[in-house]
Amino acid sequence: MSQSPEPRIGHAERDRTVERLRDAAGLGRIDLDELDERVEAALAARTQSDLDVLVADLGPVRPGSSGIVVRGPAPTLPAASGYAAADPMLLSAGSGSTRKRGRWVVPGFLRLSASLGSIKLDCRAATTEFPVVDVEVVPSAGSVVIIVPEGWAADIDRVGRGIGSVKSTVAEQPSTGSPLLVLRGSVGLGSVTVRHQRWYDRKPRG
């Protein structure tokens, strides 16, 4: 009698494993290079076993299939969005513009949907408690611009170009104590730019 194939997994299972891996990186159990490799493998995983091997050596960070509850209440998410992979902070522009600037707290998980408009994240005065910030780019015909301070870094290798454009002029490895922005998704017809401030960013606003 042939053994039944293992059921396929979905985005929720992959996101939970990515979150565990980012927690492990924040605790220093794996370095950023290994985090990149494991996250890439997690996003390509097809079964729970594929995910389990990625966290099996992380001590208290248990494999995803250990303790899976088929029935029961849904897990409690933090009150604010952006602190769990399943509940990212959503910024949407529609046909207009969305801006985040000044003193604000960058959560660990962001989803950016420019649609036909523009999104501008000015992180020069922002803070974050996360060593790695997951930034999902939703395909659009709009533009996304992220301005980061010195020391912050960005990884854009996971962003699908389509016929749009993706550009980063900042470092790929952060300075000690600074975060790494890991961008993924696809730009569609639009554009994504990660950069440091330019002269016109310093101009006072009326």
Protein backbone atom coordinates (compact mmCIF):
# COMPACT_ATOMS: atom_id res chain seq x y z
CA MET A 1 0.00 0.00 0.00
CA SER A 2 1.55 3.27 -1.08
CA GLN A 3 2.02 6.03 1.47
CA SER A 4 -0.21 9.09 1.08
CA PRO A 5 1.68 12.20 -0.06
CA GLU A 6 2.22 14.92 2.50
CA PRO A 7 -0.36 17.73 2.19
CA ARG A 8 0.74 20.98 0.55
CA ILE A 9 1.13 24.10 2.69
CA GLY A 10 0.08 27.70 2.01
CA HIS A 11 1.19 31.26 2.70
CA ALA A 12 0.20 31.14 6.38
CA GLU A 13 2.56 28.25 7.19
CA ARG A 14 5.42 29.86 5.24
CA ASP A 15 4.87 33.20 6.98
CA ARG A 16 4.96 31.57 10.43
CA THR A 17 8.30 29.94 9.65
CA VAL A 18 9.75 33.19 8.25
CA GLU A 19 8.71 34.92 11.48
CA ARG A 20 10.46 32.24 13.56
CA LEU A 21 13.61 32.63 11.46
CA ARG A 22 13.61 36.41 11.92
CA ASP A 23 13.18 35.93 15.68
CA ALA A 24 16.17 33.57 15.69
CA ALA A 25 18.26 36.13 13.77
CA GLY A 26 17.31 38.80 16.28
CA LEU A 27 18.58 36.53 19.07
CA GLY A 28 21.86 35.94 17.22
CA ARG A 29 21.26 32.25 16.56
CA ILE A 30 21.79 32.66 12.82
CA ASP A 31 23.56 35.41 10.89
CA LEU A 32 22.03 37.53 8.14
CA ASP A 33 23.48 35.44 5.30
CA GLU A 34 21.99 32.26 6.73
CA LEU A 35 18.72 34.09 7.43
CA ASP A 36 18.52 35.08 3.75
CA GLU A 37 19.12 31.48 2.66
CA ARG A 38 16.54 30.02 5.04
CA VAL A 39 13.89 32.63 4.27
CA GLU A 40 14.32 31.97 0.55
CA ALA A 41 13.92 28.24 1.19
CA ALA A 42 10.86 28.85 3.39
CA LEU A 43 9.15 30.92 0.70
CA ALA A 44 9.76 28.11 -1.81
CA ALA A 45 8.65 25.29 0.55
CA ARG A 46 5.83 23.01 -0.55
CA THR A 47 5.27 20.82 2.52
CA GLN A 48 5.51 21.24 6.28
CA SER A 49 8.54 18.94 6.34
CA ASP A 50 10.34 21.39 4.05
CA LEU A 51 9.74 24.08 6.68
CA ASP A 52 10.58 21.94 9.72
CA VAL A 53 14.18 21.35 8.66
CA LEU A 54 14.75 25.13 8.47
CA VAL A 55 14.07 25.67 12.20
CA ALA A 56 14.92 22.25 13.65
CA ASP A 57 18.32 23.40 15.00
CA LEU A 58 17.12 26.63 16.60
CA GLY A 59 16.47 25.33 20.10
CA PRO A 60 13.34 26.82 21.66
CA VAL A 61 12.21 27.98 18.20
CA ARG A 62 10.35 24.76 17.47
CA PRO A 63 9.56 23.26 14.06
CA GLY A 64 6.26 24.49 12.72
CA SER A 65 4.55 21.08 12.72
CA SER A 66 5.25 20.45 16.41
CA GLY A 67 2.21 21.48 18.31
CA ILE A 68 -0.04 22.26 15.34
CA VAL A 69 -3.61 22.42 16.59
CA VAL A 70 -6.18 21.44 14.02
CA ARG A 71 -9.09 22.90 15.97
CA GLY A 72 -9.22 25.68 18.49
CA PRO A 73 -9.17 29.46 18.76
CA ALA A 74 -7.12 31.51 16.34
CA PRO A 75 -3.78 32.78 17.70
CA THR A 76 -3.91 36.17 19.34
CA LEU A 77 -2.21 38.88 17.29
CA PRO A 78 -0.68 42.03 18.77
CA ALA A 79 -3.03 45.01 19.02
CA ALA A 80 -1.04 46.96 16.42
CA SER A 81 -0.56 45.62 12.90
CA GLY A 82 2.93 45.01 11.59
CA TYR A 83 4.19 42.79 14.41
CA ALA A 84 3.32 39.43 12.83
CA ALA A 85 3.82 38.07 9.33
CA ALA A 86 0.11 37.26 9.12
CA ASP A 87 -0.86 40.84 10.04
CA PRO A 88 1.49 43.32 8.31
CA MET A 89 1.07 47.09 8.43
CA LEU A 90 -0.71 47.95 5.18
CA LEU A 91 0.04 51.23 3.42
CA SER A 92 -2.09 51.85 0.34
CA ALA A 93 -2.04 54.86 -1.99
CA GLY A 94 -4.92 54.19 -4.40
CA SER A 95 -4.71 56.94 -7.01
CA GLY A 96 -3.29 59.47 -4.53
CA SER A 97 -0.25 59.54 -2.26
CA THR A 98 0.65 58.11 1.13
CA ARG A 99 3.48 59.48 3.28
CA LYS A 100 5.16 58.36 6.51
CA ARG A 101 7.72 60.81 7.88
CA GLY A 102 9.01 62.35 11.08
CA ARG A 103 9.25 60.25 14.23
CA TRP A 104 7.51 56.93 13.68
CA VAL A 105 8.10 53.30 14.60
CA VAL A 106 8.81 50.90 11.75
CA PRO A 107 7.21 47.51 12.49
CA GLY A 108 8.67 44.18 11.46
CA PHE A 109 6.23 43.57 8.60
CA LEU A 110 5.03 46.05 5.99
CA ARG A 111 2.85 45.62 2.90
CA LEU A 112 3.03 48.46 0.36
CA SER A 113 0.38 48.86 -2.33
CA ALA A 114 0.91 51.98 -4.45
CA SER A 115 -1.80 51.09 -7.01
CA LEU A 116 -1.84 54.12 -9.36
CA GLY A 117 -0.42 56.52 -6.79
CA SER A 118 2.75 56.89 -4.75
CA ILE A 119 4.06 55.80 -1.36
CA LYS A 120 6.96 57.55 0.35
CA LEU A 121 8.45 56.19 3.56
CA ASP A 122 10.89 58.62 5.17
CA CYS A 123 12.76 56.65 7.84
CA ARG A 124 15.39 59.26 8.68
CA ALA A 125 13.84 59.97 12.09
CA ALA A 126 12.19 56.56 12.47
CA THR A 127 13.10 53.78 14.90
CA THR A 128 12.59 50.04 14.88
CA GLU A 129 13.14 47.20 17.32
CA PHE A 130 13.53 44.66 14.51
CA PRO A 131 16.97 43.74 13.09
CA VAL A 132 15.22 42.60 9.89
CA VAL A 133 12.14 44.35 8.46
CA ASP A 134 10.05 42.42 5.92
CA VAL A 135 8.67 44.73 3.19
CA GLU A 136 6.19 43.16 0.79
CA VAL A 137 5.66 45.14 -2.42
CA VAL A 138 2.27 44.59 -4.08
CA PRO A 139 2.39 44.78 -7.91
CA SER A 140 1.13 48.17 -9.11
CA ALA A 141 1.57 50.98 -11.64
CA GLY A 142 2.60 53.44 -8.94
CA SER A 143 5.85 54.34 -7.20
CA VAL A 144 7.37 53.44 -3.85
CA VAL A 145 10.26 55.46 -2.40
CA ILE A 146 11.96 54.50 0.88
CA ILE A 147 14.46 56.95 2.39
CA VAL A 148 16.73 55.43 5.04
CA PRO A 149 19.40 56.91 7.33
CA GLU A 150 23.06 55.99 7.16
CA GLY A 151 23.70 52.52 8.54
CA TRP A 152 20.42 51.03 7.38
CA ALA A 153 20.60 48.51 4.54
CA ALA A 154 18.28 46.96 1.94
CA ASP A 155 18.04 43.64 0.10
CA ILE A 156 16.02 43.96 -3.14
CA ASP A 157 16.98 40.63 -4.72
CA ARG A 158 13.58 39.07 -3.99
CA VAL A 159 11.56 41.74 -5.82
CA GLY A 160 10.26 40.69 -9.24
CA ARG A 161 10.91 43.41 -11.82
CA GLY A 162 8.19 42.72 -14.36
CA ILE A 163 8.46 45.68 -16.74
CA GLY A 164 8.84 48.09 -13.83
CA SER A 165 12.03 49.15 -12.06
CA VAL A 166 13.69 48.36 -8.74
CA LYS A 167 16.68 50.33 -7.50
CA SER A 168 18.64 50.58 -4.26
CA THR A 169 21.60 52.89 -3.67
CA VAL A 170 22.15 51.88 -0.04
CA ALA A 171 24.32 49.15 1.44
CA GLU A 172 23.27 45.49 1.38
CA GLN A 173 24.61 44.86 4.90
CA PRO A 174 23.58 47.09 7.84
CA SER A 175 25.86 48.71 10.38
CA THR A 176 25.88 47.31 13.90
CA GLY A 177 22.57 48.08 15.57
CA SER A 178 20.86 49.12 12.34
CA PRO A 179 18.15 47.13 10.52
CA LEU A 180 18.10 45.36 7.18
CA LEU A 181 15.04 45.94 4.98
CA VAL A 182 14.24 42.77 3.02
CA LEU A 183 11.98 43.63 0.08
CA ARG A 184 9.95 40.98 -1.74
CA GLY A 185 6.98 40.78 -4.08
CA SER A 186 6.81 42.43 -7.49
CA VAL A 187 6.71 45.97 -8.87
CA GLY A 188 4.40 45.20 -11.82
CA LEU A 189 4.36 48.34 -13.98
CA GLY A 190 5.60 50.59 -11.20
CA SER A 191 8.87 51.46 -9.50
CA VAL A 192 10.58 50.91 -6.15
CA THR A 193 13.54 52.98 -4.95
CA VAL A 194 15.50 52.70 -1.71
CA ARG A 195 17.95 55.55 -1.07
CA HIS A 196 19.52 57.96 1.40
CA GLN A 197 18.40 61.58 1.64
CA ARG A 198 19.05 64.03 -1.17
CA TRP A 199 19.47 67.78 -0.96
CA TYR A 200 15.81 68.50 -1.59
CA ASP A 201 14.76 66.15 1.25
CA ARG A 202 16.40 68.62 3.65
CA LYS A 203 14.27 71.56 2.56
CA PRO A 204 11.80 72.72 5.24
CA ARG A 205 8.16 72.08 4.49
CA GLY A 206 5.66 74.90 4.50
